[in-house]
Every structure is written in structure tokens, then in C-alpha cells.
Amino acid sequence: MEVGQMQRRLLEYTKSLFMEGVLDNQFLQLQQLQDESNPDFVAEVVSLFFADSERLLNDLTRALDQPTIDFKMVDSHVHQLKGSSSSIGAERIKNACVAFRNFCEEQNIEG
């Protein structure tokens, strides 16, 4: 596949993520920080986000698997995930974290 075709496919895919509410304008700002001196900036930041998210989700899973749930600890993990997702423009994850934090505040185990 030629580079131009790959770039068009990436642009179309990114556009679909915006239309589906997966990404927001923060992702565009992240893309604007990428330049010739650091052409892999966005990929590196997103990779760090995925690694950090995996750690946070593992921590969250362990916290939720306890016989007695420490809602403050759960909220702390979700708060970190919300901040990370906000910083890269992961709108859908950020919104899910907002709802999750509300459940923590209510100490709603089912939620």
C-alpha cells in the first residue's frame, strides 16, 4: 500500500472516531504538537496512554475484586484514567470515567 493511500485511510479513520464521539478536539491539539523534529510524537503519547491505562485498569480490577470495596481507592484510579484520557482527547473514556466516579461517590457497587 502506498504512503498516500495509508495517510488517507488514517485520516478517514480518525474522522470516524470524531464522528462516533471516541475522540475530541484535545486529540487535534495533540496532533498539532507533532512536527518534523518528533514525527512519532502522537504515537508515543498514545502508546504511553495505553500502557498507563492497562496499569490503571489492572489496579481498578484488583480494587473491585476485594470483599470490601474501598471506593476512595477506586475513585482515585478512575480519576487518574479520566485525566489521562482527557489529555489525549479520548472523549468516550473520559465520559465513562465521569459516570464511574459518580457511582463511586454514591458507593453504588452495581453501577
PDB file of N, CA and C in Angstrom:
ATOM      1  N   MET A   1       0.852  -1.172   0.000  1.00  0.00           N
ATOM      2  CA  MET A   1       0.000   0.000   0.000  1.00  0.00           C
ATOM      3  C   MET A   1       0.901   1.239   0.000  1.00  0.00           C
ATOM      4  N   GLU A   2       0.578   2.187  -0.835  1.00  0.00           N
ATOM      5  CA  GLU A   2       1.390   3.396  -0.920  1.00  0.00           C
ATOM      6  C   GLU A   2       1.137   4.323   0.264  1.00  0.00           C
ATOM      7  N   VAL A   3       2.094   5.190   0.518  1.00  0.00           N
ATOM      8  CA  VAL A   3       2.027   6.094   1.671  1.00  0.00           C
ATOM      9  C   VAL A   3       0.807   7.004   1.588  1.00  0.00           C
ATOM     10  N   GLY A   4       0.542   7.559   0.430  1.00  0.00           N
ATOM     11  CA  GLY A   4      -0.606   8.451   0.268  1.00  0.00           C
ATOM     12  C   GLY A   4      -1.911   7.767   0.596  1.00  0.00           C
ATOM     13  N   GLN A   5      -2.046   6.525   0.163  1.00  0.00           N
ATOM     14  CA  GLN A   5      -3.261   5.761   0.447  1.00  0.00           C
ATOM     15  C   GLN A   5      -3.376   5.477   1.942  1.00  0.00           C
ATOM     16  N   MET A   6      -2.263   5.148   2.585  1.00  0.00           N
ATOM     17  CA  MET A   6      -2.269   4.902   4.029  1.00  0.00           C
ATOM     18  C   MET A   6      -2.645   6.162   4.790  1.00  0.00           C
ATOM     19  N   GLN A   7      -2.126   7.305   4.353  1.00  0.00           N
ATOM     20  CA  GLN A   7      -2.445   8.564   5.020  1.00  0.00           C
ATOM     21  C   GLN A   7      -3.927   8.898   4.882  1.00  0.00           C
ATOM     22  N   ARG A   8      -4.498   8.644   3.702  1.00  0.00           N
ATOM     23  CA  ARG A   8      -5.934   8.886   3.505  1.00  0.00           C
ATOM     24  C   ARG A   8      -6.772   7.976   4.404  1.00  0.00           C
ATOM     25  N   ARG A   9      -6.366   6.721   4.508  1.00  0.00           N
ATOM     26  CA  ARG A   9      -7.102   5.780   5.363  1.00  0.00           C
ATOM     27  C   ARG A   9      -7.028   6.200   6.822  1.00  0.00           C
ATOM     28  N   LEU A  10      -5.849   6.670   7.255  1.00  0.00           N
ATOM     29  CA  LEU A  10      -5.695   7.143   8.634  1.00  0.00           C
ATOM     30  C   LEU A  10      -6.586   8.355   8.882  1.00  0.00           C
ATOM     31  N   LEU A  11      -6.607   9.277   7.928  1.00  0.00           N
ATOM     32  CA  LEU A  11      -7.446  10.464   8.052  1.00  0.00           C
ATOM     33  C   LEU A  11      -8.928  10.083   8.133  1.00  0.00           C
ATOM     34  N   GLU A  12      -9.369   9.154   7.286  1.00  0.00           N
ATOM     35  CA  GLU A  12     -10.762   8.701   7.308  1.00  0.00           C
ATOM     36  C   GLU A  12     -11.093   8.018   8.632  1.00  0.00           C
ATOM     37  N   TYR A  13     -10.173   7.201   9.127  1.00  0.00           N
ATOM     38  CA  TYR A  13     -10.401   6.501  10.381  1.00  0.00           C
ATOM     39  C   TYR A  13     -10.482   7.493  11.546  1.00  0.00           C
ATOM     40  N   THR A  14      -9.566   8.443  11.559  1.00  0.00           N
ATOM     41  CA  THR A  14      -9.577   9.456  12.613  1.00  0.00           C
ATOM     42  C   THR A  14     -10.876  10.253  12.571  1.00  0.00           C
ATOM     43  N   LYS A  15     -11.311  10.602  11.371  1.00  0.00           N
ATOM     44  CA  LYS A  15     -12.568  11.347  11.227  1.00  0.00           C
ATOM     45  C   LYS A  15     -13.734  10.532  11.778  1.00  0.00           C
ATOM     46  N   SER A  16     -13.749   9.235  11.511  1.00  0.00           N
ATOM     47  CA  SER A  16     -14.838   8.397  12.019  1.00  0.00           C
ATOM     48  C   SER A  16     -14.820   8.337  13.548  1.00  0.00           C
ATOM     49  N   LEU A  17     -13.631   8.354  14.151  1.00  0.00           N
ATOM     50  CA  LEU A  17     -13.534   8.346  15.612  1.00  0.00           C
ATOM     51  C   LEU A  17     -14.099   9.627  16.217  1.00  0.00           C
ATOM     52  N   PHE A  18     -13.917  10.756  15.512  1.00  0.00           N
ATOM     53  CA  PHE A  18     -14.514  12.007  15.971  1.00  0.00           C
ATOM     54  C   PHE A  18     -16.035  11.941  15.848  1.00  0.00           C
ATOM     55  N   MET A  19     -16.510  11.429  14.718  1.00  0.00           N
ATOM     56  CA  MET A  19     -17.952  11.361  14.479  1.00  0.00           C
ATOM     57  C   MET A  19     -18.650  10.426  15.465  1.00  0.00           C
ATOM     58  N   GLU A  20     -17.960   9.380  15.911  1.00  0.00           N
ATOM     59  CA  GLU A  20     -18.527   8.424  16.868  1.00  0.00           C
ATOM     60  C   GLU A  20     -18.388   8.893  18.310  1.00  0.00           C
ATOM     61  N   GLY A  21     -17.716  10.008  18.538  1.00  0.00           N
ATOM     62  CA  GLY A  21     -17.542  10.528  19.890  1.00  0.00           C
ATOM     63  C   GLY A  21     -16.430   9.849  20.665  1.00  0.00           C
ATOM     64  N   VAL A  22     -15.571   9.125  19.975  1.00  0.00           N
ATOM     65  CA  VAL A  22     -14.445   8.465  20.637  1.00  0.00           C
ATOM     66  C   VAL A  22     -13.361   9.487  20.961  1.00  0.00           C
ATOM     67  N   LEU A  23     -13.127  10.415  20.035  1.00  0.00           N
ATOM     68  CA  LEU A  23     -12.104  11.448  20.217  1.00  0.00           C
ATOM     69  C   LEU A  23     -12.754  12.824  20.279  1.00  0.00           C
ATOM     70  N   ASP A  24     -12.022  13.785  20.882  1.00  0.00           N
ATOM     71  CA  ASP A  24     -12.478  15.168  20.900  1.00  0.00           C
ATOM     72  C   ASP A  24     -11.343  16.081  20.417  1.00  0.00           C
ATOM     73  N   ASN A  25     -11.559  17.377  20.525  1.00  0.00           N
ATOM     74  CA  ASN A  25     -10.601  18.351  19.987  1.00  0.00           C
ATOM     75  C   ASN A  25      -9.231  18.304  20.654  1.00  0.00           C
ATOM     76  N   GLN A  26      -9.146  17.755  21.845  1.00  0.00           N
ATOM     77  CA  GLN A  26      -7.848  17.639  22.504  1.00  0.00           C
ATOM     78  C   GLN A  26      -6.900  16.781  21.654  1.00  0.00           C
ATOM     79  N   PHE A  27      -7.430  15.788  20.960  1.00  0.00           N
ATOM     80  CA  PHE A  27      -6.604  14.960  20.095  1.00  0.00           C
ATOM     81  C   PHE A  27      -6.024  15.789  18.956  1.00  0.00           C
ATOM     82  N   LEU A  28      -6.807  16.732  18.426  1.00  0.00           N
ATOM     83  CA  LEU A  28      -6.296  17.615  17.378  1.00  0.00           C
ATOM     84  C   LEU A  28      -5.154  18.478  17.901  1.00  0.00           C
ATOM     85  N   GLN A  29      -5.287  18.954  19.121  1.00  0.00           N
ATOM     86  CA  GLN A  29      -4.219  19.755  19.718  1.00  0.00           C
ATOM     87  C   GLN A  29      -2.968  18.915  19.911  1.00  0.00           C
ATOM     88  N   LEU A  30      -3.148  17.667  20.266  1.00  0.00           N
ATOM     89  CA  LEU A  30      -2.020  16.750  20.405  1.00  0.00           C
ATOM     90  C   LEU A  30      -1.325  16.575  19.060  1.00  0.00           C
ATOM     91  N   GLN A  31      -2.098  16.415  18.008  1.00  0.00           N
ATOM     92  CA  GLN A  31      -1.523  16.264  16.670  1.00  0.00           C
ATOM     93  C   GLN A  31      -0.742  17.505  16.258  1.00  0.00           C
ATOM     94  N   GLN A  32      -1.189  18.676  16.670  1.00  0.00           N
ATOM     95  CA  GLN A  32      -0.508  19.915  16.309  1.00  0.00           C
ATOM     96  C   GLN A  32       0.863  20.032  16.967  1.00  0.00           C
ATOM     97  N   LEU A  33       1.084  19.297  18.038  1.00  0.00           N
ATOM     98  CA  LEU A  33       2.380  19.323  18.719  1.00  0.00           C
ATOM     99  C   LEU A  33       3.423  18.470  17.994  1.00  0.00           C
ATOM    100  N   GLN A  34       2.961  17.641  17.082  1.00  0.00           N
ATOM    101  CA  GLN A  34       3.878  16.780  16.330  1.00  0.00           C
ATOM    102  C   GLN A  34       4.484  17.587  15.189  1.00  0.00           C
ATOM    103  N   ASP A  35       5.798  17.451  15.000  1.00  0.00           N
ATOM    104  CA  ASP A  35       6.465  18.131  13.894  1.00  0.00           C
ATOM    105  C   ASP A  35       7.602  17.264  13.358  1.00  0.00           C
ATOM    106  N   GLU A  36       8.391  17.825  12.465  1.00  0.00           N
ATOM    107  CA  GLU A  36       9.484  17.070  11.846  1.00  0.00           C
ATOM    108  C   GLU A  36      10.529  16.607  12.863  1.00  0.00           C
ATOM    109  N   SER A  37      10.717  17.373  13.915  1.00  0.00           N
ATOM    110  CA  SER A  37      11.720  17.003  14.919  1.00  0.00           C
ATOM    111  C   SER A  37      11.264  15.817  15.773  1.00  0.00           C
ATOM    112  N   ASN A  38       9.965  15.582  15.829  1.00  0.00           N
ATOM    113  CA  ASN A  38       9.419  14.453  16.591  1.00  0.00           C
ATOM    114  C   ASN A  38       8.210  13.885  15.834  1.00  0.00           C
ATOM    115  N   PRO A  39       8.480  13.206  14.715  1.00  0.00           N
ATOM    116  CA  PRO A  39       7.371  12.738  13.859  1.00  0.00           C
ATOM    117  C   PRO A  39       6.517  11.642  14.475  1.00  0.00           C
ATOM    118  N   ASP A  40       6.972  11.011  15.525  1.00  0.00           N
ATOM    119  CA  ASP A  40       6.219   9.930  16.167  1.00  0.00           C
ATOM    120  C   ASP A  40       5.582  10.373  17.480  1.00  0.00           C
ATOM    121  N   PHE A  41       5.487  11.675  17.690  1.00  0.00           N
ATOM    122  CA  PHE A  41       5.003  12.203  18.966  1.00  0.00           C
ATOM    123  C   PHE A  41       3.640  11.635  19.354  1.00  0.00           C
ATOM    124  N   VAL A  42       2.664  11.699  18.449  1.00  0.00           N
ATOM    125  CA  VAL A  42       1.309  11.242  18.769  1.00  0.00           C
ATOM    126  C   VAL A  42       1.318   9.750  19.084  1.00  0.00           C
ATOM    127  N   ALA A  43       2.007   8.979  18.281  1.00  0.00           N
ATOM    128  CA  ALA A  43       2.081   7.523  18.512  1.00  0.00           C
ATOM    129  C   ALA A  43       2.712   7.229  19.870  1.00  0.00           C
ATOM    130  N   GLU A  44       3.739   7.968  20.231  1.00  0.00           N
ATOM    131  CA  GLU A  44       4.406   7.753  21.521  1.00  0.00           C
ATOM    132  C   GLU A  44       3.474   8.102  22.684  1.00  0.00           C
ATOM    133  N   VAL A  45       2.776   9.225  22.568  1.00  0.00           N
ATOM    134  CA  VAL A  45       1.871   9.653  23.640  1.00  0.00           C
ATOM    135  C   VAL A  45       0.713   8.657  23.786  1.00  0.00           C
ATOM    136  N   VAL A  46       0.163   8.216  22.662  1.00  0.00           N
ATOM    137  CA  VAL A  46      -0.941   7.258  22.715  1.00  0.00           C
ATOM    138  C   VAL A  46      -0.454   5.922  23.280  1.00  0.00           C
ATOM    139  N   SER A  47       0.753   5.509  22.919  1.00  0.00           N
ATOM    140  CA  SER A  47       1.317   4.267  23.469  1.00  0.00           C
ATOM    141  C   SER A  47       1.497   4.365  24.975  1.00  0.00           C
ATOM    142  N   LEU A  48       1.969   5.512  25.449  1.00  0.00           N
ATOM    143  CA  LEU A  48       2.097   5.727  26.896  1.00  0.00           C
ATOM    144  C   LEU A  48       0.728   5.692  27.568  1.00  0.00           C
ATOM    145  N   PHE A  49      -0.270   6.271  26.907  1.00  0.00           N
ATOM    146  CA  PHE A  49      -1.636   6.249  27.434  1.00  0.00           C
ATOM    147  C   PHE A  49      -2.118   4.810  27.582  1.00  0.00           C
ATOM    148  N   PHE A  50      -1.883   3.988  26.557  1.00  0.00           N
ATOM    149  CA  PHE A  50      -2.322   2.589  26.621  1.00  0.00           C
ATOM    150  C   PHE A  50      -1.615   1.835  27.747  1.00  0.00           C
ATOM    151  N   ALA A  51      -0.323   2.045  27.894  1.00  0.00           N
ATOM    152  CA  ALA A  51       0.417   1.358  28.959  1.00  0.00           C
ATOM    153  C   ALA A  51      -0.087   1.800  30.334  1.00  0.00           C
ATOM    154  N   ASP A  52      -0.275   3.100  30.500  1.00  0.00           N
ATOM    155  CA  ASP A  52      -0.764   3.626  31.770  1.00  0.00           C
ATOM    156  C   ASP A  52      -2.189   3.143  32.042  1.00  0.00           C
ATOM    157  N   SER A  53      -3.010   3.112  31.007  1.00  0.00           N
ATOM    158  CA  SER A  53      -4.392   2.658  31.161  1.00  0.00           C
ATOM    159  C   SER A  53      -4.452   1.193  31.552  1.00  0.00           C
ATOM    160  N   GLU A  54      -3.581   0.393  30.972  1.00  0.00           N
ATOM    161  CA  GLU A  54      -3.556  -1.029  31.329  1.00  0.00           C
ATOM    162  C   GLU A  54      -3.232  -1.200  32.814  1.00  0.00           C
ATOM    163  N   ARG A  55      -2.251  -0.441  33.296  1.00  0.00           N
ATOM    164  CA  ARG A  55      -1.885  -0.489  34.711  1.00  0.00           C
ATOM    165  C   ARG A  55      -3.056  -0.044  35.577  1.00  0.00           C
ATOM    166  N   LEU A  56      -3.681   1.058  35.205  1.00  0.00           N
ATOM    167  CA  LEU A  56      -4.810   1.572  35.990  1.00  0.00           C
ATOM    168  C   LEU A  56      -5.992   0.603  35.993  1.00  0.00           C
ATOM    169  N   LEU A  57      -6.269  -0.003  34.853  1.00  0.00           N
ATOM    170  CA  LEU A  57      -7.378  -0.960  34.791  1.00  0.00           C
ATOM    171  C   LEU A  57      -7.081  -2.209  35.612  1.00  0.00           C
ATOM    172  N   ASN A  58      -5.829  -2.642  35.630  1.00  0.00           N
ATOM    173  CA  ASN A  58      -5.448  -3.773  36.486  1.00  0.00           C
ATOM    174  C   ASN A  58      -5.606  -3.407  37.960  1.00  0.00           C
ATOM    175  N   ASP A  59      -5.157  -2.200  38.328  1.00  0.00           N
ATOM    176  CA  ASP A  59      -5.318  -1.736  39.710  1.00  0.00           C
ATOM    177  C   ASP A  59      -6.800  -1.632  40.077  1.00  0.00           C
ATOM    178  N   LEU A  60      -7.580  -1.136  39.149  1.00  0.00           N
ATOM    179  CA  LEU A  60      -9.018  -0.988  39.362  1.00  0.00           C
ATOM    180  C   LEU A  60      -9.685  -2.353  39.539  1.00  0.00           C
ATOM    181  N   THR A  61      -9.296  -3.300  38.718  1.00  0.00           N
ATOM    182  CA  THR A  61      -9.845  -4.654  38.824  1.00  0.00           C
ATOM    183  C   THR A  61      -9.536  -5.261  40.183  1.00  0.00           C
ATOM    184  N   ARG A  62      -8.284  -5.101  40.628  1.00  0.00           N
ATOM    185  CA  ARG A  62      -7.908  -5.642  41.946  1.00  0.00           C
ATOM    186  C   ARG A  62      -8.719  -4.967  43.054  1.00  0.00           C
ATOM    187  N   ALA A  63      -8.892  -3.663  42.949  1.00  0.00           N
ATOM    188  CA  ALA A  63      -9.648  -2.933  43.975  1.00  0.00           C
ATOM    189  C   ALA A  63     -11.109  -3.364  44.002  1.00  0.00           C
ATOM    190  N   LEU A  64     -11.680  -3.643  42.842  1.00  0.00           N
ATOM    191  CA  LEU A  64     -13.080  -4.048  42.776  1.00  0.00           C
ATOM    192  C   LEU A  64     -13.292  -5.512  43.158  1.00  0.00           C
ATOM    193  N   ASP A  65     -12.215  -6.295  43.123  1.00  0.00           N
ATOM    194  CA  ASP A  65     -12.307  -7.711  43.488  1.00  0.00           C
ATOM    195  C   ASP A  65     -12.193  -7.949  44.992  1.00  0.00           C
ATOM    196  N   GLN A  66     -11.972  -6.898  45.758  1.00  0.00           N
ATOM    197  CA  GLN A  66     -11.850  -7.037  47.210  1.00  0.00           C
ATOM    198  C   GLN A  66     -13.214  -7.301  47.831  1.00  0.00           C
ATOM    199  N   PRO A  67     -13.238  -8.047  48.930  1.00  0.00           N
ATOM    200  CA  PRO A  67     -14.523  -8.305  49.605  1.00  0.00           C
ATOM    201  C   PRO A  67     -15.221  -7.019  50.043  1.00  0.00           C
ATOM    202  N   THR A  68     -14.423  -6.067  50.508  1.00  0.00           N
ATOM    203  CA  THR A  68     -14.950  -4.754  50.867  1.00  0.00           C
ATOM    204  C   THR A  68     -14.291  -3.735  49.951  1.00  0.00           C
ATOM    205  N   ILE A  69     -15.104  -3.039  49.190  1.00  0.00           N
ATOM    206  CA  ILE A  69     -14.572  -2.109  48.196  1.00  0.00           C
ATOM    207  C   ILE A  69     -14.238  -0.775  48.842  1.00  0.00           C
ATOM    208  N   ASP A  70     -13.020  -0.343  48.621  1.00  0.00           N
ATOM    209  CA  ASP A  70     -12.568   0.976  49.063  1.00  0.00           C
ATOM    210  C   ASP A  70     -12.890   1.956  47.938  1.00  0.00           C
ATOM    211  N   PHE A  71     -14.026   2.625  48.063  1.00  0.00           N
ATOM    212  CA  PHE A  71     -14.484   3.495  46.989  1.00  0.00           C
ATOM    213  C   PHE A  71     -13.546   4.676  46.755  1.00  0.00           C
ATOM    214  N   LYS A  72     -12.849   5.119  47.778  1.00  0.00           N
ATOM    215  CA  LYS A  72     -11.886   6.204  47.596  1.00  0.00           C
ATOM    216  C   LYS A  72     -10.732   5.746  46.711  1.00  0.00           C
ATOM    217  N   MET A  73     -10.269   4.517  46.904  1.00  0.00           N
ATOM    218  CA  MET A  73      -9.186   3.983  46.087  1.00  0.00           C
ATOM    219  C   MET A  73      -9.662   3.780  44.643  1.00  0.00           C
ATOM    220  N   VAL A  74     -10.849   3.222  44.488  1.00  0.00           N
ATOM    221  CA  VAL A  74     -11.415   3.021  43.152  1.00  0.00           C
ATOM    222  C   VAL A  74     -11.549   4.366  42.457  1.00  0.00           C
ATOM    223  N   ASP A  75     -12.083   5.342  43.161  1.00  0.00           N
ATOM    224  CA  ASP A  75     -12.251   6.683  42.601  1.00  0.00           C
ATOM    225  C   ASP A  75     -10.904   7.277  42.202  1.00  0.00           C
ATOM    226  N   SER A  76      -9.885   7.036  42.981  1.00  0.00           N
ATOM    227  CA  SER A  76      -8.552   7.551  42.661  1.00  0.00           C
ATOM    228  C   SER A  76      -8.046   6.974  41.341  1.00  0.00           C
ATOM    229  N   HIS A  77      -8.218   5.673  41.142  1.00  0.00           N
ATOM    230  CA  HIS A  77      -7.797   5.042  39.889  1.00  0.00           C
ATOM    231  C   HIS A  77      -8.595   5.595  38.707  1.00  0.00           C
ATOM    232  N   VAL A  78      -9.899   5.727  38.892  1.00  0.00           N
ATOM    233  CA  VAL A  78     -10.754   6.232  37.818  1.00  0.00           C
ATOM    234  C   VAL A  78     -10.425   7.694  37.522  1.00  0.00           C
ATOM    235  N   HIS A  79     -10.122   8.458  38.563  1.00  0.00           N
ATOM    236  CA  HIS A  79      -9.747   9.865  38.382  1.00  0.00           C
ATOM    237  C   HIS A  79      -8.467   9.973  37.536  1.00  0.00           C
ATOM    238  N   GLN A  80      -7.498   9.117  37.805  1.00  0.00           N
ATOM    239  CA  GLN A  80      -6.261   9.108  37.014  1.00  0.00           C
ATOM    240  C   GLN A  80      -6.546   8.751  35.563  1.00  0.00           C
ATOM    241  N   LEU A  81      -7.396   7.749  35.345  1.00  0.00           N
ATOM    242  CA  LEU A  81      -7.749   7.352  33.989  1.00  0.00           C
ATOM    243  C   LEU A  81      -8.488   8.474  33.266  1.00  0.00           C
ATOM    244  N   LYS A  82      -9.342   9.164  33.991  1.00  0.00           N
ATOM    245  CA  LYS A  82     -10.073  10.303  33.410  1.00  0.00           C
ATOM    246  C   LYS A  82      -9.100  11.388  32.966  1.00  0.00           C
ATOM    247  N   GLY A  83      -8.127  11.690  33.814  1.00  0.00           N
ATOM    248  CA  GLY A  83      -7.142  12.711  33.460  1.00  0.00           C
ATOM    249  C   GLY A  83      -6.310  12.317  32.258  1.00  0.00           C
ATOM    250  N   SER A  84      -5.871  11.077  32.228  1.00  0.00           N
ATOM    251  CA  SER A  84      -5.079  10.594  31.094  1.00  0.00           C
ATOM    252  C   SER A  84      -5.884  10.634  29.804  1.00  0.00           C
ATOM    253  N   SER A  85      -7.119  10.176  29.884  1.00  0.00           N
ATOM    254  CA  SER A  85      -7.944  10.148  28.676  1.00  0.00           C
ATOM    255  C   SER A  85      -8.270  11.561  28.205  1.00  0.00           C
ATOM    256  N   SER A  86      -8.480  12.478  29.128  1.00  0.00           N
ATOM    257  CA  SER A  86      -8.737  13.874  28.759  1.00  0.00           C
ATOM    258  C   SER A  86      -7.538  14.482  28.048  1.00  0.00           C
ATOM    259  N   SER A  87      -6.352  14.136  28.512  1.00  0.00           N
ATOM    260  CA  SER A  87      -5.146  14.752  27.950  1.00  0.00           C
ATOM    261  C   SER A  87      -4.855  14.321  26.523  1.00  0.00           C
ATOM    262  N   ILE A  88      -5.363  13.159  26.107  1.00  0.00           N
ATOM    263  CA  ILE A  88      -5.128  12.745  24.717  1.00  0.00           C
ATOM    264  C   ILE A  88      -6.381  12.884  23.846  1.00  0.00           C
ATOM    265  N   GLY A  89      -7.479  13.304  24.441  1.00  0.00           N
ATOM    266  CA  GLY A  89      -8.697  13.504  23.662  1.00  0.00           C
ATOM    267  C   GLY A  89      -9.558  12.269  23.531  1.00  0.00           C
ATOM    268  N   ALA A  90      -9.420  11.325  24.456  1.00  0.00           N
ATOM    269  CA  ALA A  90     -10.234  10.107  24.431  1.00  0.00           C
ATOM    270  C   ALA A  90     -11.570  10.405  25.109  1.00  0.00           C
ATOM    271  N   GLU A  91     -12.445  11.048  24.378  1.00  0.00           N
ATOM    272  CA  GLU A  91     -13.709  11.572  24.900  1.00  0.00           C
ATOM    273  C   GLU A  91     -14.597  10.487  25.514  1.00  0.00           C
ATOM    274  N   ARG A  92     -14.752   9.368  24.839  1.00  0.00           N
ATOM    275  CA  ARG A  92     -15.664   8.333  25.331  1.00  0.00           C
ATOM    276  C   ARG A  92     -15.171   7.745  26.649  1.00  0.00           C
ATOM    277  N   ILE A  93     -13.866   7.547  26.766  1.00  0.00           N
ATOM    278  CA  ILE A  93     -13.309   7.018  28.018  1.00  0.00           C
ATOM    279  C   ILE A  93     -13.488   8.032  29.137  1.00  0.00           C
ATOM    280  N   LYS A  94     -13.207   9.294  28.821  1.00  0.00           N
ATOM    281  CA  LYS A  94     -13.376  10.354  29.825  1.00  0.00           C
ATOM    282  C   LYS A  94     -14.810  10.381  30.333  1.00  0.00           C
ATOM    283  N   ASN A  95     -15.781  10.292  29.430  1.00  0.00           N
ATOM    284  CA  ASN A  95     -17.189  10.321  29.829  1.00  0.00           C
ATOM    285  C   ASN A  95     -17.564   9.112  30.684  1.00  0.00           C
ATOM    286  N   ALA A  96     -17.028   7.961  30.335  1.00  0.00           N
ATOM    287  CA  ALA A  96     -17.287   6.755  31.136  1.00  0.00           C
ATOM    288  C   ALA A  96     -16.703   6.921  32.536  1.00  0.00           C
ATOM    289  N   CYS A  97     -15.547   7.552  32.624  1.00  0.00           N
ATOM    290  CA  CYS A  97     -14.925   7.783  33.932  1.00  0.00           C
ATOM    291  C   CYS A  97     -15.749   8.742  34.783  1.00  0.00           C
ATOM    292  N   VAL A  98     -16.335   9.747  34.159  1.00  0.00           N
ATOM    293  CA  VAL A  98     -17.193  10.681  34.894  1.00  0.00           C
ATOM    294  C   VAL A  98     -18.362   9.924  35.516  1.00  0.00           C
ATOM    295  N   ALA A  99     -19.005   9.071  34.728  1.00  0.00           N
ATOM    296  CA  ALA A  99     -20.122   8.273  35.245  1.00  0.00           C
ATOM    297  C   ALA A  99     -19.649   7.330  36.346  1.00  0.00           C
ATOM    298  N   PHE A 100     -18.492   6.701  36.136  1.00  0.00           N
ATOM    299  CA  PHE A 100     -17.937   5.759  37.107  1.00  0.00           C
ATOM    300  C   PHE A 100     -17.648   6.480  38.423  1.00  0.00           C
ATOM    301  N   ARG A 101     -17.098   7.690  38.341  1.00  0.00           N
ATOM    302  CA  ARG A 101     -16.792   8.444  39.562  1.00  0.00           C
ATOM    303  C   ARG A 101     -18.069   8.785  40.318  1.00  0.00           C
ATOM    304  N   ASN A 102     -19.150   9.056  39.593  1.00  0.00           N
ATOM    305  CA  ASN A 102     -20.434   9.311  40.257  1.00  0.00           C
ATOM    306  C   ASN A 102     -20.892   8.086  41.027  1.00  0.00           C
ATOM    307  N   PHE A 103     -20.702   6.894  40.446  1.00  0.00           N
ATOM    308  CA  PHE A 103     -21.056   5.660  41.152  1.00  0.00           C
ATOM    309  C   PHE A 103     -20.196   5.488  42.403  1.00  0.00           C
ATOM    310  N   CYS A 104     -18.934   5.865  42.301  1.00  0.00           N
ATOM    311  CA  CYS A 104     -18.051   5.770  43.476  1.00  0.00           C
ATOM    312  C   CYS A 104     -18.525   6.705  44.579  1.00  0.00           C
ATOM    313  N   GLU A 105     -18.911   7.904  44.187  1.00  0.00           N
ATOM    314  CA  GLU A 105     -19.389   8.887  45.172  1.00  0.00           C
ATOM    315  C   GLU A 105     -20.632   8.359  45.885  1.00  0.00           C
ATOM    316  N   GLU A 106     -21.486   7.672  45.130  1.00  0.00           N
ATOM    317  CA  GLU A 106     -22.725   7.114  45.697  1.00  0.00           C
ATOM    318  C   GLU A 106     -22.474   5.768  46.393  1.00  0.00           C
ATOM    319  N   GLN A 107     -21.247   5.247  46.246  1.00  0.00           N
ATOM    320  CA  GLN A 107     -20.877   3.908  46.731  1.00  0.00           C
ATOM    321  C   GLN A 107     -21.851   2.869  46.167  1.00  0.00           C
ATOM    322  N   ASN A 108     -22.095   3.002  44.892  1.00  0.00           N
ATOM    323  CA  ASN A 108     -23.013   2.146  44.150  1.00  0.00           C
ATOM    324  C   ASN A 108     -22.229   1.004  43.514  1.00  0.00           C
ATOM    325  N   ILE A 109     -22.210  -0.151  44.152  1.00  0.00           N
ATOM    326  CA  ILE A 109     -21.461  -1.303  43.672  1.00  0.00           C
ATOM    327  C   ILE A 109     -21.989  -1.781  42.328  1.00  0.00           C
ATOM    328  N   GLU A 110     -23.287  -1.809  42.165  1.00  0.00           N
ATOM    329  CA  GLU A 110     -23.881  -2.282  40.906  1.00  0.00           C
ATOM    330  C   GLU A 110     -23.488  -1.369  39.754  1.00  0.00           C
ATOM    331  N   GLY A 111     -23.449  -0.085  40.007  1.00  0.00           N
ATOM    332  CA  GLY A 111     -23.086   0.883  38.961  1.00  0.00           C
ATOM    333  C   GLY A 111     -21.674   0.676  38.500  1.00  0.00           C
TER     334      GLY A 111
END
